[in-house]
C-alpha atoms as a PDB file:
ATOM      1  CA  UNK A   1     -17.658  34.447 -29.320  1.00  0.00           C
ATOM      2  CA  UNK A   2     -17.757  38.030 -29.944  1.00  0.00           C
ATOM      3  CA  UNK A   3     -14.672  40.052 -30.628  1.00  0.00           C
ATOM      4  CA  UNK A   4     -13.926  43.033 -28.911  1.00  0.00           C
ATOM      5  CA  UNK A   5     -11.892  45.307 -31.389  1.00  0.00           C
ATOM      6  CA  UNK A   6     -10.739  48.785 -29.936  1.00  0.00           C
ATOM      7  CA  UNK A   7      -8.774  51.385 -32.024  1.00  0.00           C
ATOM      8  CA  UNK A   8      -7.080  53.708 -29.285  1.00  0.00           C
ATOM      9  CA  UNK A   9      -5.471  56.787 -29.573  1.00  0.00           C
ATOM     10  CA  UNK A  10      -5.450  57.219 -25.582  1.00  0.00           C
ATOM     11  CA  UNK A  11      -4.346  54.979 -22.558  1.00  0.00           C
ATOM     12  CA  UNK A  12      -2.614  52.157 -23.202  1.00  0.00           C
ATOM     13  CA  UNK A  13      -1.332  49.606 -20.693  1.00  0.00           C
ATOM     14  CA  UNK A  14       1.347  47.542 -19.665  1.00  0.00           C
ATOM     15  CA  UNK A  15       1.994  43.753 -19.430  1.00  0.00           C
ATOM     16  CA  UNK A  16       1.846  42.560 -15.677  1.00  0.00           C
ATOM     17  CA  UNK A  17       1.819  39.895 -13.833  1.00  0.00           C
ATOM     18  CA  UNK A  18       4.216  37.220 -13.481  1.00  0.00           C
ATOM     19  CA  UNK A  19       1.770  34.570 -13.752  1.00  0.00           C
ATOM     20  CA  UNK A  20       1.301  35.477 -17.167  1.00  0.00           C
ATOM     21  CA  UNK A  21       4.279  33.124 -18.000  1.00  0.00           C
ATOM     22  CA  UNK A  22       3.105  30.503 -15.402  1.00  0.00           C
ATOM     23  CA  UNK A  23      -0.915  29.807 -16.839  1.00  0.00           C
ATOM     24  CA  UNK A  24      -1.030  31.914 -20.159  1.00  0.00           C
ATOM     25  CA  UNK A  25       1.884  31.148 -21.746  1.00  0.00           C
ATOM     26  CA  UNK A  26       1.749  27.533 -21.043  1.00  0.00           C
ATOM     27  CA  UNK A  27      -0.214  26.980 -24.501  1.00  0.00           C
ATOM     28  CA  UNK A  28       1.278  29.863 -26.382  1.00  0.00           C
ATOM     29  CA  UNK A  29       4.752  28.889 -27.051  1.00  0.00           C
ATOM     30  CA  UNK A  30       6.116  30.024 -30.129  1.00  0.00           C
ATOM     31  CA  UNK A  31       8.991  28.847 -32.581  1.00  0.00           C
ATOM     32  CA  UNK A  32      11.924  31.209 -33.355  1.00  0.00           C
ATOM     33  CA  UNK A  33      11.391  33.802 -35.789  1.00  0.00           C
ATOM     34  CA  UNK A  34      11.518  32.484 -39.314  1.00  0.00           C
ATOM     35  CA  UNK A  35      14.348  34.452 -41.398  1.00  0.00           C
ATOM     36  CA  UNK A  36      13.804  37.280 -43.930  1.00  0.00           C
ATOM     37  CA  UNK A  37      14.539  35.556 -47.491  1.00  0.00           C
ATOM     38  CA  UNK A  38      16.173  39.319 -48.404  1.00  0.00           C
ATOM     39  CA  UNK A  39      17.735  42.177 -46.637  1.00  0.00           C
ATOM     40  CA  UNK A  40      15.474  44.699 -47.068  1.00  0.00           C
ATOM     41  CA  UNK A  41      11.730  42.871 -47.073  1.00  0.00           C
ATOM     42  CA  UNK A  42       8.959  45.074 -48.482  1.00  0.00           C
ATOM     43  CA  UNK A  43       7.428  44.808 -44.872  1.00  0.00           C
ATOM     44  CA  UNK A  44       8.550  43.845 -41.600  1.00  0.00           C
ATOM     45  CA  UNK A  45       6.795  42.996 -38.299  1.00  0.00           C
ATOM     46  CA  UNK A  46       8.629  43.739 -35.354  1.00  0.00           C
ATOM     47  CA  UNK A  47       7.444  41.915 -32.319  1.00  0.00           C
ATOM     48  CA  UNK A  48       7.572  41.521 -28.666  1.00  0.00           C
ATOM     49  CA  UNK A  49       6.554  38.121 -27.209  1.00  0.00           C
ATOM     50  CA  UNK A  50       4.677  37.872 -23.993  1.00  0.00           C
ATOM     51  CA  UNK A  51       5.747  37.045 -20.462  1.00  0.00           C
ATOM     52  CA  UNK A  52       8.181  34.022 -20.222  1.00  0.00           C
ATOM     53  CA  UNK A  53       7.896  32.995 -23.621  1.00  0.00           C
ATOM     54  CA  UNK A  54      10.958  31.689 -25.195  1.00  0.00           C
ATOM     55  CA  UNK A  55      13.285  33.996 -27.911  1.00  0.00           C
ATOM     56  CA  UNK A  56      11.119  34.205 -30.639  1.00  0.00           C
ATOM     57  CA  UNK A  57       7.822  35.594 -31.726  1.00  0.00           C
ATOM     58  CA  UNK A  58       5.822  33.326 -29.168  1.00  0.00           C
ATOM     59  CA  UNK A  59       2.591  32.093 -30.657  1.00  0.00           C
ATOM     60  CA  UNK A  60       0.782  34.819 -30.517  1.00  0.00           C
ATOM     61  CA  UNK A  61       3.360  36.673 -32.864  1.00  0.00           C
ATOM     62  CA  UNK A  62       3.944  33.752 -35.150  1.00  0.00           C
ATOM     63  CA  UNK A  63       0.257  33.868 -35.703  1.00  0.00           C
ATOM     64  CA  UNK A  64       0.397  37.440 -36.448  1.00  0.00           C
ATOM     65  CA  UNK A  65       3.306  37.227 -39.137  1.00  0.00           C
ATOM     66  CA  UNK A  66       1.956  34.017 -40.802  1.00  0.00           C
ATOM     67  CA  UNK A  67      -1.356  36.094 -41.226  1.00  0.00           C
ATOM     68  CA  UNK A  68       0.542  39.183 -42.361  1.00  0.00           C
ATOM     69  CA  UNK A  69       2.543  36.944 -44.823  1.00  0.00           C
ATOM     70  CA  UNK A  70      -0.536  35.301 -46.100  1.00  0.00           C
ATOM     71  CA  UNK A  71      -2.608  39.006 -46.457  1.00  0.00           C
ATOM     72  CA  UNK A  72       0.485  41.068 -47.604  1.00  0.00           C
ATOM     73  CA  UNK A  73       1.296  38.578 -50.642  1.00  0.00           C
ATOM     74  CA  UNK A  74       3.184  38.796 -52.996  1.00  0.00           C
ATOM     75  CA  UNK A  75       5.315  41.515 -51.208  1.00  0.00           C
ATOM     76  CA  UNK A  76       7.941  40.069 -48.924  1.00  0.00           C
ATOM     77  CA  UNK A  77       7.383  40.468 -45.219  1.00  0.00           C
ATOM     78  CA  UNK A  78      10.655  39.702 -42.892  1.00  0.00           C
ATOM     79  CA  UNK A  79       9.894  39.515 -39.303  1.00  0.00           C
ATOM     80  CA  UNK A  80      12.289  40.793 -36.089  1.00  0.00           C
ATOM     81  CA  UNK A  81      11.860  39.188 -32.387  1.00  0.00           C
ATOM     82  CA  UNK A  82      12.559  42.080 -30.322  1.00  0.00           C
ATOM     83  CA  UNK A  83      15.451  40.976 -27.929  1.00  0.00           C
ATOM     84  CA  UNK A  84      14.366  40.899 -24.465  1.00  0.00           C
ATOM     85  CA  UNK A  85      14.184  39.144 -21.045  1.00  0.00           C
ATOM     86  CA  UNK A  86      10.500  38.808 -20.901  1.00  0.00           C
ATOM     87  CA  UNK A  87      10.955  38.219 -17.465  1.00  0.00           C
ATOM     88  CA  UNK A  88       8.370  37.338 -14.727  1.00  0.00           C
ATOM     89  CA  UNK A  89      10.472  38.199 -12.037  1.00  0.00           C
ATOM     90  CA  UNK A  90       8.829  41.887 -11.424  1.00  0.00           C
ATOM     91  CA  UNK A  91      10.599  41.968  -8.019  1.00  0.00           C
ATOM     92  CA  UNK A  92       8.059  44.801  -6.809  1.00  0.00           C
ATOM     93  CA  UNK A  93       8.357  46.609 -10.004  1.00  0.00           C
ATOM     94  CA  UNK A  94      12.342  47.006 -10.724  1.00  0.00           C
ATOM     95  CA  UNK A  95      12.704  43.826 -11.965  1.00  0.00           C
ATOM     96  CA  UNK A  96       9.923  44.919 -14.396  1.00  0.00           C
ATOM     97  CA  UNK A  97      11.450  47.748 -15.573  1.00  0.00           C
ATOM     98  CA  UNK A  98      14.662  46.528 -16.692  1.00  0.00           C
ATOM     99  CA  UNK A  99      13.157  43.761 -18.587  1.00  0.00           C
ATOM    100  CA  UNK A 100      10.640  46.179 -20.392  1.00  0.00           C
ATOM    101  CA  UNK A 101      13.340  48.888 -21.041  1.00  0.00           C
ATOM    102  CA  UNK A 102      15.666  46.578 -22.623  1.00  0.00           C
ATOM    103  CA  UNK A 103      12.717  45.588 -25.153  1.00  0.00           C
ATOM    104  CA  UNK A 104      12.613  49.325 -25.785  1.00  0.00           C
ATOM    105  CA  UNK A 105      16.035  49.503 -25.985  1.00  0.00           C
ATOM    106  CA  UNK A 106      16.297  46.970 -28.636  1.00  0.00           C
ATOM    107  CA  UNK A 107      13.254  48.078 -30.851  1.00  0.00           C
ATOM    108  CA  UNK A 108      13.903  51.750 -30.636  1.00  0.00           C
ATOM    109  CA  UNK A 109      17.053  50.796 -31.978  1.00  0.00           C
ATOM    110  CA  UNK A 110      15.901  48.194 -34.499  1.00  0.00           C
ATOM    111  CA  UNK A 111      13.486  50.403 -35.818  1.00  0.00           C
ATOM    112  CA  UNK A 112      15.982  53.445 -36.424  1.00  0.00           C
ATOM    113  CA  UNK A 113      18.551  50.894 -37.982  1.00  0.00           C
ATOM    114  CA  UNK A 114      15.762  49.886 -40.243  1.00  0.00           C
ATOM    115  CA  UNK A 115      14.773  53.439 -41.364  1.00  0.00           C
ATOM    116  CA  UNK A 116      18.241  54.088 -42.159  1.00  0.00           C
ATOM    117  CA  UNK A 117      19.180  50.782 -44.100  1.00  0.00           C
ATOM    118  CA  UNK A 118      15.741  50.077 -45.441  1.00  0.00           C
ATOM    119  CA  UNK A 119      14.314  53.059 -46.107  1.00  0.00           C
ATOM    120  CA  UNK A 120      11.663  51.393 -48.619  1.00  0.00           C
ATOM    121  CA  UNK A 121      10.932  48.778 -46.042  1.00  0.00           C
ATOM    122  CA  UNK A 122       7.420  49.352 -43.921  1.00  0.00           C
ATOM    123  CA  UNK A 123       7.434  48.725 -40.888  1.00  0.00           C
ATOM    124  CA  UNK A 124       4.662  46.763 -38.476  1.00  0.00           C
ATOM    125  CA  UNK A 125       5.109  47.137 -34.679  1.00  0.00           C
ATOM    126  CA  UNK A 126       3.445  44.471 -32.603  1.00  0.00           C
ATOM    127  CA  UNK A 127       3.355  42.723 -28.689  1.00  0.00           C
ATOM    128  CA  UNK A 128       1.480  40.458 -26.985  1.00  0.00           C
ATOM    129  CA  UNK A 129       0.897  41.073 -22.863  1.00  0.00           C
ATOM    130  CA  UNK A 130       4.154  42.241 -21.317  1.00  0.00           C
ATOM    131  CA  UNK A 131       5.495  42.583 -25.335  1.00  0.00           C
ATOM    132  CA  UNK A 132       2.385  45.064 -25.792  1.00  0.00           C
ATOM    133  CA  UNK A 133       4.098  47.145 -23.103  1.00  0.00           C
ATOM    134  CA  UNK A 134       7.541  47.392 -24.883  1.00  0.00           C
ATOM    135  CA  UNK A 135       5.803  48.608 -28.275  1.00  0.00           C
ATOM    136  CA  UNK A 136       3.873  50.618 -26.597  1.00  0.00           C
ATOM    137  CA  UNK A 137       6.286  52.220 -24.728  1.00  0.00           C
ATOM    138  CA  UNK A 138       8.172  52.695 -28.134  1.00  0.00           C
ATOM    139  CA  UNK A 139       5.286  54.748 -29.398  1.00  0.00           C
ATOM    140  CA  UNK A 140       4.880  56.829 -26.467  1.00  0.00           C
ATOM    141  CA  UNK A 141       8.325  58.482 -26.658  1.00  0.00           C
ATOM    142  CA  UNK A 142       8.300  59.238 -22.938  1.00  0.00           C
ATOM    143  CA  UNK A 143       8.876  56.974 -19.838  1.00  0.00           C
ATOM    144  CA  UNK A 144       7.590  57.556 -16.449  1.00  0.00           C
ATOM    145  CA  UNK A 145       9.850  58.907 -13.253  1.00  0.00           C
ATOM    146  CA  UNK A 146      11.872  56.095 -12.561  1.00  0.00           C
ATOM    147  CA  UNK A 147      12.744  54.800 -15.533  1.00  0.00           C
ATOM    148  CA  UNK A 148      15.387  57.605 -16.957  1.00  0.00           C
ATOM    149  CA  UNK A 149      18.039  55.417 -14.488  1.00  0.00           C
ATOM    150  CA  UNK A 150      17.923  53.159 -16.579  1.00  0.00           C
ATOM    151  CA  UNK A 151      19.092  54.768 -19.867  1.00  0.00           C
ATOM    152  CA  UNK A 152      16.215  54.071 -21.832  1.00  0.00           C
ATOM    153  CA  UNK A 153      16.554  55.242 -25.399  1.00  0.00           C
ATOM    154  CA  UNK A 154      15.304  58.425 -26.651  1.00  0.00           C
ATOM    155  CA  UNK A 155      12.019  58.993 -28.556  1.00  0.00           C
ATOM    156  CA  UNK A 156      12.222  57.800 -32.029  1.00  0.00           C
ATOM    157  CA  UNK A 157      12.726  60.621 -34.503  1.00  0.00           C
ATOM    158  CA  UNK A 158      10.164  61.336 -37.063  1.00  0.00           C
ATOM    159  CA  UNK A 159      11.984  59.930 -40.000  1.00  0.00           C
ATOM    160  CA  UNK A 160      12.184  56.664 -38.066  1.00  0.00           C
ATOM    161  CA  UNK A 161       8.040  57.309 -37.075  1.00  0.00           C
ATOM    162  CA  UNK A 162       7.313  57.708 -40.435  1.00  0.00           C
ATOM    163  CA  UNK A 163       8.067  54.236 -41.478  1.00  0.00           C
ATOM    164  CA  UNK A 164       6.331  52.417 -39.064  1.00  0.00           C
ATOM    165  CA  UNK A 165       2.966  52.077 -40.925  1.00  0.00           C
ATOM    166  CA  UNK A 166       0.829  49.932 -38.188  1.00  0.00           C
ATOM    167  CA  UNK A 167       0.914  49.020 -34.365  1.00  0.00           C
ATOM    168  CA  UNK A 168      -0.912  46.195 -33.639  1.00  0.00           C
ATOM    169  CA  UNK A 169      -0.956  45.246 -30.017  1.00  0.00           C
ATOM    170  CA  UNK A 170      -2.908  41.765 -28.467  1.00  0.00           C
ATOM    171  CA  UNK A 171      -3.905  41.179 -24.716  1.00  0.00           C
ATOM    172  CA  UNK A 172      -2.491  44.606 -23.447  1.00  0.00           C
ATOM    173  CA  UNK A 173      -3.379  45.062 -19.641  1.00  0.00           C
ATOM    174  CA  UNK A 174      -5.656  47.028 -18.234  1.00  0.00           C
ATOM    175  CA  UNK A 175      -4.810  50.424 -16.509  1.00  0.00           C
ATOM    176  CA  UNK A 176      -6.095  48.981 -13.024  1.00  0.00           C
ATOM    177  CA  UNK A 177      -4.306  45.944 -13.096  1.00  0.00           C
ATOM    178  CA  UNK A 178      -1.149  48.015 -14.315  1.00  0.00           C
ATOM    179  CA  UNK A 179      -1.308  50.477 -11.536  1.00  0.00           C
ATOM    180  CA  UNK A 180      -2.017  46.714  -8.826  1.00  0.00           C
ATOM    181  CA  UNK A 181       1.543  46.080  -9.917  1.00  0.00           C
ATOM    182  CA  UNK A 182       3.072  49.323  -9.786  1.00  0.00           C
ATOM    183  CA  UNK A 183       3.708  49.415 -13.304  1.00  0.00           C
ATOM    184  CA  UNK A 184       3.569  52.598 -15.063  1.00  0.00           C
ATOM    185  CA  UNK A 185       1.040  53.588 -17.403  1.00  0.00           C
ATOM    186  CA  UNK A 186       1.652  54.508 -21.037  1.00  0.00           C
ATOM    187  CA  UNK A 187       0.082  56.305 -23.449  1.00  0.00           C
ATOM    188  CA  UNK A 188      -0.144  55.884 -27.541  1.00  0.00           C
ATOM    189  CA  UNK A 189       2.018  58.690 -29.086  1.00  0.00           C
ATOM    190  CA  UNK A 190       0.249  61.505 -31.124  1.00  0.00           C
ATOM    191  CA  UNK A 191       2.027  60.316 -34.614  1.00  0.00           C
ATOM    192  CA  UNK A 192       0.901  56.513 -33.872  1.00  0.00           C
ATOM    193  CA  UNK A 193      -2.408  56.959 -32.330  1.00  0.00           C
ATOM    194  CA  UNK A 194      -4.069  57.160 -36.048  1.00  0.00           C
ATOM    195  CA  UNK A 195      -2.378  53.771 -36.622  1.00  0.00           C
ATOM    196  CA  UNK A 196      -2.374  51.678 -33.590  1.00  0.00           C
ATOM    197  CA  UNK A 197      -4.996  48.798 -33.201  1.00  0.00           C
ATOM    198  CA  UNK A 198      -5.595  47.049 -29.960  1.00  0.00           C
ATOM    199  CA  UNK A 199      -7.230  43.824 -29.493  1.00  0.00           C
ATOM    200  CA  UNK A 200      -8.744  41.772 -26.349  1.00  0.00           C
ATOM    201  CA  UNK A 201     -10.531  38.396 -26.311  1.00  0.00           C
ATOM    202  CA  UNK A 202     -13.938  38.978 -24.175  1.00  0.00           C
ATOM    203  CA  UNK A 203     -12.868  37.519 -20.549  1.00  0.00           C
ATOM    204  CA  UNK A 204      -9.303  38.279 -20.752  1.00  0.00           C
ATOM    205  CA  UNK A 205      -8.856  39.375 -17.169  1.00  0.00           C
ATOM    206  CA  UNK A 206      -5.795  41.080 -18.121  1.00  0.00           C
ATOM    207  CA  UNK A 207      -7.223  43.208 -20.553  1.00  0.00           C
ATOM    208  CA  UNK A 208     -10.766  43.860 -19.801  1.00  0.00           C
ATOM    209  CA  UNK A 209     -10.446  42.316 -15.827  1.00  0.00           C
ATOM    210  CA  UNK A 210      -9.843  45.482 -13.885  1.00  0.00           C
ATOM    211  CA  UNK A 211      -8.012  45.168 -10.755  1.00  0.00           C
ATOM    212  CA  UNK A 212      -9.033  41.837  -9.844  1.00  0.00           C
ATOM    213  CA  UNK A 213      -8.302  40.675 -13.455  1.00  0.00           C
ATOM    214  CA  UNK A 214      -5.603  38.179 -14.302  1.00  0.00           C
ATOM    215  CA  UNK A 215      -4.084  35.752 -16.508  1.00  0.00           C
ATOM    216  CA  UNK A 216      -6.895  33.217 -17.414  1.00  0.00           C
ATOM    217  CA  UNK A 217      -7.672  30.726 -20.447  1.00  0.00           C
ATOM    218  CA  UNK A 218      -8.979  33.414 -22.395  1.00  0.00           C
ATOM    219  CA  UNK A 219      -5.405  35.383 -22.279  1.00  0.00           C
ATOM    220  CA  UNK A 220      -3.794  32.791 -24.131  1.00  0.00           C
ATOM    221  CA  UNK A 221      -6.328  32.634 -27.081  1.00  0.00           C
ATOM    222  CA  UNK A 222      -5.065  35.144 -29.206  1.00  0.00           C
ATOM    223  CA  UNK A 223      -3.349  32.517 -31.613  1.00  0.00           C
ATOM    224  CA  UNK A 224      -6.323  30.696 -32.204  1.00  0.00           C
ATOM    225  CA  UNK A 225      -9.312  32.898 -32.136  1.00  0.00           C
ATOM    226  CA  UNK A 226      -9.402  35.171 -35.501  1.00  0.00           C
ATOM    227  CA  UNK A 227      -7.952  38.084 -33.747  1.00  0.00           C
ATOM    228  CA  UNK A 228      -4.379  37.453 -35.360  1.00  0.00           C
ATOM    229  CA  UNK A 229      -5.959  37.536 -38.640  1.00  0.00           C
ATOM    230  CA  UNK A 230      -8.322  40.597 -37.971  1.00  0.00           C
ATOM    231  CA  UNK A 231      -4.935  42.483 -36.565  1.00  0.00           C
ATOM    232  CA  UNK A 232      -3.223  41.380 -39.884  1.00  0.00           C
ATOM    233  CA  UNK A 233      -5.632  42.609 -41.980  1.00  0.00           C
ATOM    234  CA  UNK A 234      -5.687  46.180 -39.962  1.00  0.00           C
ATOM    235  CA  UNK A 235      -1.571  46.472 -40.389  1.00  0.00           C
ATOM    236  CA  UNK A 236      -1.809  45.103 -44.276  1.00  0.00           C
ATOM    237  CA  UNK A 237      -4.792  47.755 -44.913  1.00  0.00           C
ATOM    238  CA  UNK A 238      -1.986  50.497 -44.224  1.00  0.00           C
ATOM    239  CA  UNK A 239       1.014  49.064 -45.690  1.00  0.00           C
END
Protein backbone atom coordinates (compact mmCIF):
# COMPACT_ATOMS: atom_id res chain seq x y z
CA UNK A 1 0.00 0.00 0.00
CA UNK A 2 1.39 3.37 -0.92
CA UNK A 3 1.68 5.80 1.96
CA UNK A 4 0.74 9.42 1.45
CA UNK A 5 3.00 11.78 3.34
CA UNK A 6 2.27 15.45 3.68
CA UNK A 7 4.10 18.23 5.50
CA UNK A 8 1.69 21.12 5.87
CA UNK A 9 2.13 24.70 6.84
CA UNK A 10 -1.47 25.48 5.98
CA UNK A 11 -4.80 24.22 7.17
CA UNK A 12 -4.95 21.37 9.62
CA UNK A 13 -8.21 19.67 10.50
CA UNK A 14 -9.91 18.78 13.72
CA UNK A 15 -10.84 15.22 14.73
CA UNK A 16 -14.56 14.78 14.58
CA UNK A 17 -16.95 11.88 14.24
CA UNK A 18 -18.27 10.10 17.30
CA UNK A 19 -18.03 6.92 15.28
CA UNK A 20 -14.26 7.11 15.52
CA UNK A 21 -14.62 5.65 18.98
CA UNK A 22 -17.03 2.98 17.88
CA UNK A 23 -15.28 1.58 14.85
CA UNK A 24 -11.81 2.85 14.21
CA UNK A 25 -10.64 2.65 17.81
CA UNK A 26 -12.08 -0.80 18.36
CA UNK A 27 -8.90 -2.40 17.08
CA UNK A 28 -6.60 0.33 18.28
CA UNK A 29 -6.76 0.51 22.07
CA UNK A 30 -3.45 1.33 23.69
CA UNK A 31 -1.79 0.79 27.03
CA UNK A 32 -1.18 3.65 29.48
CA UNK A 33 2.04 5.53 28.81
CA UNK A 34 5.24 4.23 30.29
CA UNK A 35 6.73 6.39 32.98
CA UNK A 36 9.88 8.31 32.22
CA UNK A 37 13.00 6.85 33.80
CA UNK A 38 14.20 10.29 34.95
CA UNK A 39 12.61 13.65 35.78
CA UNK A 40 14.04 15.39 32.71
CA UNK A 41 14.56 13.01 29.80
CA UNK A 42 16.51 14.00 26.72
CA UNK A 43 13.28 13.81 24.69
CA UNK A 44 9.61 13.74 25.66
CA UNK A 45 6.69 12.76 23.43
CA UNK A 46 3.49 14.64 24.33
CA UNK A 47 0.66 12.73 22.67
CA UNK A 48 -3.13 13.15 22.54
CA UNK A 49 -5.11 9.93 21.95
CA UNK A 50 -8.05 9.48 19.60
CA UNK A 51 -11.78 9.51 20.26
CA UNK A 52 -12.97 6.98 22.85
CA UNK A 53 -9.53 5.49 23.45
CA UNK A 54 -8.90 4.80 27.16
CA UNK A 55 -6.64 7.13 29.17
CA UNK A 56 -3.07 6.95 27.97
CA UNK A 57 -1.62 7.56 24.54
CA UNK A 58 -3.66 4.93 22.67
CA UNK A 59 -2.39 2.35 20.21
CA UNK A 60 -1.16 4.81 17.61
CA UNK A 61 0.52 6.90 20.28
CA UNK A 62 2.22 3.91 21.87
CA UNK A 63 3.51 2.67 18.51
CA UNK A 64 4.84 6.16 17.82
CA UNK A 65 6.50 6.42 21.25
CA UNK A 66 8.11 2.99 20.82
CA UNK A 67 9.44 3.99 17.41
CA UNK A 68 10.84 7.28 18.73
CA UNK A 69 12.57 5.44 21.56
CA UNK A 70 14.12 2.94 19.20
CA UNK A 71 15.31 5.57 16.73
CA UNK A 72 16.48 8.12 19.30
CA UNK A 73 18.59 5.67 21.33
CA UNK A 74 20.71 6.03 23.37
CA UNK A 75 18.91 9.23 24.33
CA UNK A 76 16.24 8.82 27.00
CA UNK A 77 12.64 9.33 25.84
CA UNK A 78 9.81 10.13 28.24
CA UNK A 79 6.12 10.29 27.40
CA UNK A 80 3.20 12.42 28.54
CA UNK A 81 -0.36 11.46 27.69
CA UNK A 82 -2.53 14.53 27.26
CA UNK A 83 -5.21 14.40 29.94
CA UNK A 84 -8.58 15.05 28.29
CA UNK A 85 -11.88 13.18 27.82
CA UNK A 86 -11.44 12.24 24.13
CA UNK A 87 -15.24 12.05 24.22
CA UNK A 88 -17.38 10.76 21.38
CA UNK A 89 -20.35 12.81 22.58
CA UNK A 90 -20.12 15.85 20.34
CA UNK A 91 -23.61 17.09 21.26
CA UNK A 92 -24.09 19.31 18.22
CA UNK A 93 -20.62 20.78 18.65
CA UNK A 94 -20.73 22.10 22.22
CA UNK A 95 -19.53 18.87 23.82
CA UNK A 96 -16.87 18.53 21.14
CA UNK A 97 -15.63 22.03 21.93
CA UNK A 98 -15.41 21.23 25.64
CA UNK A 99 -13.44 18.00 25.24
CA UNK A 100 -11.00 19.58 22.77
CA UNK A 101 -10.48 22.68 24.91
CA UNK A 102 -9.74 20.45 27.92
CA UNK A 103 -7.01 18.86 25.83
CA UNK A 104 -5.64 22.16 24.58
CA UNK A 105 -5.39 23.48 28.12
CA UNK A 106 -3.68 20.38 29.51
CA UNK A 107 -1.21 20.06 26.64
CA UNK A 108 -0.31 23.75 26.59
CA UNK A 109 0.19 23.82 30.35
CA UNK A 110 2.42 20.75 30.17
CA UNK A 111 4.56 22.19 27.38
CA UNK A 112 5.08 25.39 29.36
CA UNK A 113 5.93 23.44 32.51
CA UNK A 114 8.46 21.30 30.68
CA UNK A 115 10.05 24.34 29.08
CA UNK A 116 10.46 25.91 32.52
CA UNK A 117 11.46 22.84 34.52
CA UNK A 118 13.33 20.76 31.94
CA UNK A 119 14.86 23.32 29.57
CA UNK A 120 17.22 20.80 27.97
CA UNK A 121 14.42 18.36 27.05
CA UNK A 122 13.34 18.35 23.42
CA UNK A 123 9.56 18.01 23.04
CA UNK A 124 7.73 16.14 20.30
CA UNK A 125 3.99 16.88 20.07
CA UNK A 126 1.69 14.32 18.50
CA UNK A 127 -1.90 13.27 18.17
CA UNK A 128 -4.24 10.84 16.47
CA UNK A 129 -7.68 11.73 15.10
CA UNK A 130 -9.40 13.91 17.72
CA UNK A 131 -6.00 14.12 19.41
CA UNK A 132 -4.57 15.62 16.23
CA UNK A 133 -7.13 18.39 16.70
CA UNK A 134 -5.89 19.05 20.20
CA UNK A 135 -2.24 19.26 19.17
CA UNK A 136 -3.14 21.26 16.08
CA UNK A 137 -4.93 23.87 18.16
CA UNK A 138 -1.96 24.04 20.52
CA UNK A 139 0.24 25.02 17.59
CA UNK A 140 -2.24 27.48 16.08
CA UNK A 141 -2.04 30.07 18.82
CA UNK A 142 -5.68 31.05 18.25
CA UNK A 143 -9.14 29.58 18.57
CA UNK A 144 -12.33 30.22 16.61
CA UNK A 145 -15.23 32.34 17.81
CA UNK A 146 -17.30 30.46 20.31
CA UNK A 147 -14.35 28.78 22.01
CA UNK A 148 -13.21 31.89 23.88
CA UNK A 149 -15.98 31.46 26.45
CA UNK A 150 -14.51 28.08 27.36
CA UNK A 151 -11.39 29.63 28.89
CA UNK A 152 -8.94 28.49 26.23
CA UNK A 153 -5.36 29.10 27.33
CA UNK A 154 -3.43 31.88 25.59
CA UNK A 155 -0.99 31.03 22.80
CA UNK A 156 2.24 29.36 23.86
CA UNK A 157 4.97 31.91 24.51
CA UNK A 158 7.94 31.87 22.17
CA UNK A 159 10.26 30.51 24.83
CA UNK A 160 8.00 27.46 25.14
CA UNK A 161 7.54 26.84 21.42
CA UNK A 162 11.30 26.89 20.98
CA UNK A 163 11.47 23.68 23.03
CA UNK A 164 9.21 21.83 20.58
CA UNK A 165 11.39 20.01 18.05
CA UNK A 166 8.60 18.45 15.96
CA UNK A 167 4.86 17.93 15.65
CA UNK A 168 3.50 14.70 14.12
CA UNK A 169 -0.23 14.26 13.48
CA UNK A 170 -1.92 11.03 12.37
CA UNK A 171 -5.28 10.79 10.60
CA UNK A 172 -6.22 14.44 10.91
CA UNK A 173 -9.74 14.92 9.50
CA UNK A 174 -10.18 16.80 6.25
CA UNK A 175 -11.62 20.29 6.13
CA UNK A 176 -14.83 19.20 4.41
CA UNK A 177 -15.44 16.48 6.98
CA UNK A 178 -14.67 18.93 9.75
CA UNK A 179 -17.25 21.41 8.53
CA UNK A 180 -19.85 18.65 8.24
CA UNK A 181 -19.74 18.27 12.02
CA UNK A 182 -19.70 21.99 12.71
CA UNK A 183 -16.15 21.91 14.02
CA UNK A 184 -13.91 24.91 13.39
CA UNK A 185 -10.89 24.73 11.15
CA UNK A 186 -7.39 25.19 12.47
CA UNK A 187 -4.10 26.13 10.90
CA UNK A 188 -0.65 25.12 12.03
CA UNK A 189 0.93 28.16 13.66
CA UNK A 190 3.85 29.88 11.93
CA UNK A 191 6.31 28.91 14.65
CA UNK A 192 5.48 25.24 13.97
CA UNK A 193 4.94 25.26 10.22
CA UNK A 194 8.40 24.03 9.26
CA UNK A 195 8.45 21.25 11.86
CA UNK A 196 5.01 19.69 11.43
CA UNK A 197 4.21 16.46 9.60
CA UNK A 198 0.72 15.14 8.90
CA UNK A 199 0.30 11.52 7.85
CA UNK A 200 -2.74 9.98 6.19
CA UNK A 201 -3.22 6.33 5.24
CA UNK A 202 -4.55 6.09 1.67
CA UNK A 203 -8.25 5.33 1.86
CA UNK A 204 -8.68 6.75 5.35
CA UNK A 205 -12.06 8.44 5.06
CA UNK A 206 -11.32 10.79 7.93
CA UNK A 207 -8.30 12.53 6.42
CA UNK A 208 -8.86 11.95 2.70
CA UNK A 209 -12.55 11.23 2.18
CA UNK A 210 -13.93 14.75 2.06
CA UNK A 211 -17.37 15.62 3.38
CA UNK A 212 -18.65 12.12 2.62
CA UNK A 213 -15.76 10.45 4.39
CA UNK A 214 -15.58 9.13 7.91
CA UNK A 215 -13.92 6.53 10.11
CA UNK A 216 -13.25 3.22 8.41
CA UNK A 217 -10.81 0.35 8.64
CA UNK A 218 -7.97 2.37 7.15
CA UNK A 219 -8.34 4.95 9.92
CA UNK A 220 -7.33 2.29 12.44
CA UNK A 221 -4.14 1.20 10.65
CA UNK A 222 -1.62 3.80 11.82
CA UNK A 223 -0.21 1.61 14.57
CA UNK A 224 0.48 -1.31 12.22
CA UNK A 225 1.20 0.05 8.75
CA UNK A 226 4.58 1.71 9.28
CA UNK A 227 3.43 5.30 9.45
CA UNK A 228 4.34 5.59 13.12
CA UNK A 229 7.91 4.61 12.17
CA UNK A 230 7.86 7.25 9.43
CA UNK A 231 6.57 9.84 11.85
CA UNK A 232 9.24 8.90 14.37
CA UNK A 233 11.98 9.25 11.76
CA UNK A 234 10.70 12.75 10.99
CA UNK A 235 10.68 13.73 14.66
CA UNK A 236 14.05 12.19 15.54
CA UNK A 237 15.62 13.91 12.55
CA UNK A 238 14.68 17.25 14.12
CA UNK A 239 15.88 16.63 17.65
